Amino acid sequence: MWCWVLFEIISGLVFFEASFFFKTAYFLVTSIPIWLYFAFVFISQLMDRVTQLERKVTEMQLKK
């Protein structure tokens, strides 16, 4: 009797873990375009900042 109850609890936990894993994987796969968009925006802003710094460096070199 107790073994059956313990088996039910463990199998329920395993099923919950599996469903949680699949839900998480599904969420990550469906949110890939959002992550790509944020990565693109971040990289483009970083490149803008780098070009601004390069421009400042060249201006300082020209002033010398």
PDB file of N, CA and C in Angstrom:
ATOM      1  N   MET A   1       0.833  -1.197   0.000  1.00  0.00           N
ATOM      2  CA  MET A   1       0.000   0.000   0.000  1.00  0.00           C
ATOM      3  C   MET A   1       0.872   1.253   0.000  1.00  0.00           C
ATOM      4  N   TRP A   2       1.784   1.344   0.958  1.00  0.00           N
ATOM      5  CA  TRP A   2       2.628   2.539   1.037  1.00  0.00           C
ATOM      6  C   TRP A   2       3.572   2.632  -0.152  1.00  0.00           C
ATOM      7  N   CYS A   3       4.026   1.477  -0.623  1.00  0.00           N
ATOM      8  CA  CYS A   3       4.904   1.487  -1.797  1.00  0.00           C
ATOM      9  C   CYS A   3       4.173   2.064  -2.995  1.00  0.00           C
ATOM     10  N   TRP A   4       2.885   1.725  -3.131  1.00  0.00           N
ATOM     11  CA  TRP A   4       2.109   2.238  -4.263  1.00  0.00           C
ATOM     12  C   TRP A   4       1.945   3.756  -4.163  1.00  0.00           C
ATOM     13  N   VAL A   5       1.677   4.252  -2.939  1.00  0.00           N
ATOM     14  CA  VAL A   5       1.527   5.697  -2.737  1.00  0.00           C
ATOM     15  C   VAL A   5       2.843   6.399  -3.043  1.00  0.00           C
ATOM     16  N   LEU A   6       3.940   5.820  -2.552  1.00  0.00           N
ATOM     17  CA  LEU A   6       5.256   6.403  -2.820  1.00  0.00           C
ATOM     18  C   LEU A   6       5.552   6.407  -4.318  1.00  0.00           C
ATOM     19  N   PHE A   7       5.196   5.308  -4.996  1.00  0.00           N
ATOM     20  CA  PHE A   7       5.402   5.241  -6.446  1.00  0.00           C
ATOM     21  C   PHE A   7       4.587   6.318  -7.162  1.00  0.00           C
ATOM     22  N   GLU A   8       3.343   6.521  -6.742  1.00  0.00           N
ATOM     23  CA  GLU A   8       2.495   7.549  -7.354  1.00  0.00           C
ATOM     24  C   GLU A   8       3.099   8.943  -7.158  1.00  0.00           C
ATOM     25  N   ILE A   9       3.602   9.216  -5.960  1.00  0.00           N
ATOM     26  CA  ILE A   9       4.192  10.532  -5.681  1.00  0.00           C
ATOM     27  C   ILE A   9       5.430  10.744  -6.541  1.00  0.00           C
ATOM     28  N   ILE A  10       6.294   9.731  -6.599  1.00  0.00           N
ATOM     29  CA  ILE A  10       7.537   9.867  -7.367  1.00  0.00           C
ATOM     30  C   ILE A  10       7.234  10.019  -8.854  1.00  0.00           C
ATOM     31  N   SER A  11       6.301   9.211  -9.378  1.00  0.00           N
ATOM     32  CA  SER A  11       5.980   9.326 -10.806  1.00  0.00           C
ATOM     33  C   SER A  11       5.327  10.674 -11.095  1.00  0.00           C
ATOM     34  N   GLY A  12       4.537  11.184 -10.156  1.00  0.00           N
ATOM     35  CA  GLY A  12       3.950  12.513 -10.335  1.00  0.00           C
ATOM     36  C   GLY A  12       5.020  13.587 -10.373  1.00  0.00           C
ATOM     37  N   LEU A  13       6.012  13.471  -9.492  1.00  0.00           N
ATOM     38  CA  LEU A  13       7.105  14.447  -9.499  1.00  0.00           C
ATOM     39  C   LEU A  13       7.905  14.369 -10.784  1.00  0.00           C
ATOM     40  N   VAL A  14       8.169  13.138 -11.245  1.00  0.00           N
ATOM     41  CA  VAL A  14       8.922  12.975 -12.492  1.00  0.00           C
ATOM     42  C   VAL A  14       8.138  13.571 -13.649  1.00  0.00           C
ATOM     43  N   PHE A  15       6.826  13.320 -13.684  1.00  0.00           N
ATOM     44  CA  PHE A  15       6.006  13.882 -14.761  1.00  0.00           C
ATOM     45  C   PHE A  15       5.993  15.401 -14.678  1.00  0.00           C
ATOM     46  N   PHE A  16       5.903  15.938 -13.468  1.00  0.00           N
ATOM     47  CA  PHE A  16       5.914  17.395 -13.307  1.00  0.00           C
ATOM     48  C   PHE A  16       7.230  17.973 -13.791  1.00  0.00           C
ATOM     49  N   GLU A  17       8.336  17.322 -13.430  1.00  0.00           N
ATOM     50  CA  GLU A  17       9.645  17.799 -13.877  1.00  0.00           C
ATOM     51  C   GLU A  17       9.739  17.758 -15.398  1.00  0.00           C
ATOM     52  N   ALA A  18       9.259  16.671 -16.003  1.00  0.00           N
ATOM     53  CA  ALA A  18       9.329  16.553 -17.463  1.00  0.00           C
ATOM     54  C   ALA A  18       8.473  17.623 -18.125  1.00  0.00           C
ATOM     55  N   SER A  19       7.261  17.832 -17.599  1.00  0.00           N
ATOM     56  CA  SER A  19       6.402  18.842 -18.213  1.00  0.00           C
ATOM     57  C   SER A  19       7.007  20.227 -18.015  1.00  0.00           C
ATOM     58  N   PHE A  20       7.615  20.471 -16.872  1.00  0.00           N
ATOM     59  CA  PHE A  20       8.275  21.764 -16.645  1.00  0.00           C
ATOM     60  C   PHE A  20       9.425  21.950 -17.626  1.00  0.00           C
ATOM     61  N   PHE A  21      10.187  20.870 -17.851  1.00  0.00           N
ATOM     62  CA  PHE A  21      11.305  20.943 -18.793  1.00  0.00           C
ATOM     63  C   PHE A  21      10.801  21.250 -20.198  1.00  0.00           C
ATOM     64  N   PHE A  22       9.727  20.551 -20.616  1.00  0.00           N
ATOM     65  CA  PHE A  22       9.213  20.772 -21.969  1.00  0.00           C
ATOM     66  C   PHE A  22       8.608  22.162 -22.102  1.00  0.00           C
ATOM     67  N   LYS A  23       7.938  22.636 -21.049  1.00  0.00           N
ATOM     68  CA  LYS A  23       7.391  23.998 -21.108  1.00  0.00           C
ATOM     69  C   LYS A  23       8.517  25.016 -21.205  1.00  0.00           C
ATOM     70  N   THR A  24       9.576  24.812 -20.441  1.00  0.00           N
ATOM     71  CA  THR A  24      10.714  25.728 -20.498  1.00  0.00           C
ATOM     72  C   THR A  24      11.370  25.687 -21.870  1.00  0.00           C
ATOM     73  N   ALA A  25      11.558  24.493 -22.409  1.00  0.00           N
ATOM     74  CA  ALA A  25      12.163  24.374 -23.741  1.00  0.00           C
ATOM     75  C   ALA A  25      11.278  25.038 -24.784  1.00  0.00           C
ATOM     76  N   TYR A  26       9.963  24.848 -24.693  1.00  0.00           N
ATOM     77  CA  TYR A  26       9.040  25.468 -25.645  1.00  0.00           C
ATOM     78  C   TYR A  26       9.104  26.984 -25.530  1.00  0.00           C
ATOM     79  N   PHE A  27       9.141  27.493 -24.304  1.00  0.00           N
ATOM     80  CA  PHE A  27       9.226  28.942 -24.107  1.00  0.00           C
ATOM     81  C   PHE A  27      10.517  29.500 -24.699  1.00  0.00           C
ATOM     82  N   LEU A  28      11.629  28.806 -24.466  1.00  0.00           N
ATOM     83  CA  LEU A  28      12.905  29.286 -25.002  1.00  0.00           C
ATOM     84  C   LEU A  28      12.906  29.267 -26.522  1.00  0.00           C
ATOM     85  N   VAL A  29      12.350  28.209 -27.112  1.00  0.00           N
ATOM     86  CA  VAL A  29      12.331  28.118 -28.579  1.00  0.00           C
ATOM     87  C   VAL A  29      11.435  29.199 -29.169  1.00  0.00           C
ATOM     88  N   THR A  30      10.284  29.437 -28.548  1.00  0.00           N
ATOM     89  CA  THR A  30       9.381  30.452 -29.094  1.00  0.00           C
ATOM     90  C   THR A  30       9.888  31.856 -28.835  1.00  0.00           C
ATOM     91  N   SER A  31      10.749  32.041 -27.843  1.00  0.00           N
ATOM     92  CA  SER A  31      11.250  33.384 -27.559  1.00  0.00           C
ATOM     93  C   SER A  31      12.586  33.655 -28.236  1.00  0.00           C
ATOM     94  N   ILE A  32      13.064  32.727 -29.091  1.00  0.00           N
ATOM     95  CA  ILE A  32      14.335  32.951 -29.789  1.00  0.00           C
ATOM     96  C   ILE A  32      14.306  34.226 -30.627  1.00  0.00           C
ATOM     97  N   PRO A  33      13.230  34.519 -31.394  1.00  0.00           N
ATOM     98  CA  PRO A  33      13.229  35.784 -32.145  1.00  0.00           C
ATOM     99  C   PRO A  33      13.381  37.006 -31.252  1.00  0.00           C
ATOM    100  N   ILE A  34      12.769  36.982 -30.073  1.00  0.00           N
ATOM    101  CA  ILE A  34      12.897  38.119 -29.151  1.00  0.00           C
ATOM    102  C   ILE A  34      14.341  38.245 -28.692  1.00  0.00           C
ATOM    103  N   TRP A  35      14.974  37.114 -28.345  1.00  0.00           N
ATOM    104  CA  TRP A  35      16.379  37.158 -27.914  1.00  0.00           C
ATOM    105  C   TRP A  35      17.271  37.641 -29.042  1.00  0.00           C
ATOM    106  N   LEU A  36      17.000  37.191 -30.281  1.00  0.00           N
ATOM    107  CA  LEU A  36      17.798  37.646 -31.420  1.00  0.00           C
ATOM    108  C   LEU A  36      17.644  39.144 -31.623  1.00  0.00           C
ATOM    109  N   TYR A  37      16.414  39.644 -31.464  1.00  0.00           N
ATOM    110  CA  TYR A  37      16.183  41.082 -31.616  1.00  0.00           C
ATOM    111  C   TYR A  37      16.968  41.867 -30.568  1.00  0.00           C
ATOM    112  N   PHE A  38      16.892  41.425 -29.304  1.00  0.00           N
ATOM    113  CA  PHE A  38      17.628  42.130 -28.248  1.00  0.00           C
ATOM    114  C   PHE A  38      19.132  42.057 -28.487  1.00  0.00           C
ATOM    115  N   ALA A  39      19.620  40.915 -28.944  1.00  0.00           N
ATOM    116  CA  ALA A  39      21.051  40.791 -29.231  1.00  0.00           C
ATOM    117  C   ALA A  39      21.447  41.718 -30.371  1.00  0.00           C
ATOM    118  N   PHE A  40      20.609  41.807 -31.406  1.00  0.00           N
ATOM    119  CA  PHE A  40      20.901  42.694 -32.533  1.00  0.00           C
ATOM    120  C   PHE A  40      20.949  44.148 -32.078  1.00  0.00           C
ATOM    121  N   VAL A  41      19.975  44.558 -31.258  1.00  0.00           N
ATOM    122  CA  VAL A  41      19.948  45.938 -30.762  1.00  0.00           C
ATOM    123  C   VAL A  41      21.178  46.211 -29.908  1.00  0.00           C
ATOM    124  N   PHE A  42      21.526  45.273 -29.024  1.00  0.00           N
ATOM    125  CA  PHE A  42      22.679  45.460 -28.149  1.00  0.00           C
ATOM    126  C   PHE A  42      23.962  45.577 -28.958  1.00  0.00           C
ATOM    127  N   ILE A  43      24.128  44.699 -29.953  1.00  0.00           N
ATOM    128  CA  ILE A  43      25.355  44.728 -30.754  1.00  0.00           C
ATOM    129  C   ILE A  43      25.424  46.003 -31.580  1.00  0.00           C
ATOM    130  N   SER A  44      24.285  46.438 -32.139  1.00  0.00           N
ATOM    131  CA  SER A  44      24.316  47.662 -32.945  1.00  0.00           C
ATOM    132  C   SER A  44      24.646  48.870 -32.072  1.00  0.00           C
ATOM    133  N   GLN A  45      24.106  48.919 -30.858  1.00  0.00           N
ATOM    134  CA  GLN A  45      24.434  50.038 -29.963  1.00  0.00           C
ATOM    135  C   GLN A  45      25.904  49.987 -29.566  1.00  0.00           C
ATOM    136  N   LEU A  46      26.414  48.795 -29.341  1.00  0.00           N
ATOM    137  CA  LEU A  46      27.827  48.640 -28.997  1.00  0.00           C
ATOM    138  C   LEU A  46      28.714  49.106 -30.142  1.00  0.00           C
ATOM    139  N   MET A  47      28.346  48.757 -31.366  1.00  0.00           N
ATOM    140  CA  MET A  47      29.134  49.186 -32.522  1.00  0.00           C
ATOM    141  C   MET A  47      29.074  50.703 -32.686  1.00  0.00           C
ATOM    142  N   ASP A  48      27.904  51.308 -32.429  1.00  0.00           N
ATOM    143  CA  ASP A  48      27.811  52.771 -32.483  1.00  0.00           C
ATOM    144  C   ASP A  48      28.747  53.405 -31.466  1.00  0.00           C
ATOM    145  N   ARG A  49      28.764  52.847 -30.272  1.00  0.00           N
ATOM    146  CA  ARG A  49      29.638  53.384 -29.219  1.00  0.00           C
ATOM    147  C   ARG A  49      31.111  53.251 -29.625  1.00  0.00           C
ATOM    148  N   VAL A  50      31.472  52.125 -30.209  1.00  0.00           N
ATOM    149  CA  VAL A  50      32.857  51.919 -30.640  1.00  0.00           C
ATOM    150  C   VAL A  50      33.233  52.933 -31.706  1.00  0.00           C
ATOM    151  N   THR A  51      32.343  53.184 -32.653  1.00  0.00           N
ATOM    152  CA  THR A  51      32.658  54.166 -33.700  1.00  0.00           C
ATOM    153  C   THR A  51      32.775  55.567 -33.112  1.00  0.00           C
ATOM    154  N   GLN A  52      31.957  55.892 -32.116  1.00  0.00           N
ATOM    155  CA  GLN A  52      32.085  57.202 -31.460  1.00  0.00           C
ATOM    156  C   GLN A  52      33.445  57.323 -30.785  1.00  0.00           C
ATOM    157  N   LEU A  53      33.871  56.276 -30.092  1.00  0.00           N
ATOM    158  CA  LEU A  53      35.172  56.318 -29.427  1.00  0.00           C
ATOM    159  C   LEU A  53      36.303  56.424 -30.440  1.00  0.00           C
ATOM    160  N   GLU A  54      36.184  55.704 -31.555  1.00  0.00           N
ATOM    161  CA  GLU A  54      37.213  55.803 -32.591  1.00  0.00           C
ATOM    162  C   GLU A  54      37.278  57.222 -33.150  1.00  0.00           C
ATOM    163  N   ARG A  55      36.135  57.844 -33.343  1.00  0.00           N
ATOM    164  CA  ARG A  55      36.095  59.212 -33.848  1.00  0.00           C
ATOM    165  C   ARG A  55      36.774  60.169 -32.864  1.00  0.00           C
ATOM    166  N   LYS A  56      36.507  59.979 -31.563  1.00  0.00           N
ATOM    167  CA  LYS A  56      37.147  60.837 -30.556  1.00  0.00           C
ATOM    168  C   LYS A  56      38.661  60.648 -30.564  1.00  0.00           C
ATOM    169  N   VAL A  57      39.093  59.401 -30.683  1.00  0.00           N
ATOM    170  CA  VAL A  57      40.534  59.124 -30.686  1.00  0.00           C
ATOM    171  C   VAL A  57      41.191  59.779 -31.894  1.00  0.00           C
ATOM    172  N   THR A  58      40.577  59.672 -33.056  1.00  0.00           N
ATOM    173  CA  THR A  58      41.175  60.293 -34.250  1.00  0.00           C
ATOM    174  C   THR A  58      41.177  61.807 -34.137  1.00  0.00           C
ATOM    175  N   GLU A  59      40.135  62.383 -33.528  1.00  0.00           N
ATOM    176  CA  GLU A  59      40.124  63.839 -33.334  1.00  0.00           C
ATOM    177  C   GLU A  59      41.252  64.263 -32.408  1.00  0.00           C
ATOM    178  N   MET A  60      41.471  63.502 -31.336  1.00  0.00           N
ATOM    179  CA  MET A  60      42.546  63.853 -30.405  1.00  0.00           C
ATOM    180  C   MET A  60      43.906  63.696 -31.075  1.00  0.00           C
ATOM    181  N   GLN A  61      44.057  62.693 -31.932  1.00  0.00           N
ATOM    182  CA  GLN A  61      45.328  62.515 -32.640  1.00  0.00           C
ATOM    183  C   GLN A  61      45.551  63.646 -33.634  1.00  0.00           C
ATOM    184  N   LEU A  62      44.495  64.135 -34.269  1.00  0.00           N
ATOM    185  CA  LEU A  62      44.640  65.229 -35.229  1.00  0.00           C
ATOM    186  C   LEU A  62      44.974  66.544 -34.529  1.00  0.00           C
ATOM    187  N   LYS A  63      44.498  66.716 -33.290  1.00  0.00           N
ATOM    188  CA  LYS A  63      44.776  67.956 -32.549  1.00  0.00           C
ATOM    189  C   LYS A  63      46.235  68.046 -32.153  1.00  0.00           C
ATOM    190  N   LYS A  64      46.906  66.912 -32.000  1.00  0.00           N
ATOM    191  CA  LYS A  64      48.307  66.922 -31.557  1.00  0.00           C
ATOM    192  C   LYS A  64      49.225  67.534 -32.544  1.00  0.00           C
TER     193      LYS A  64
END
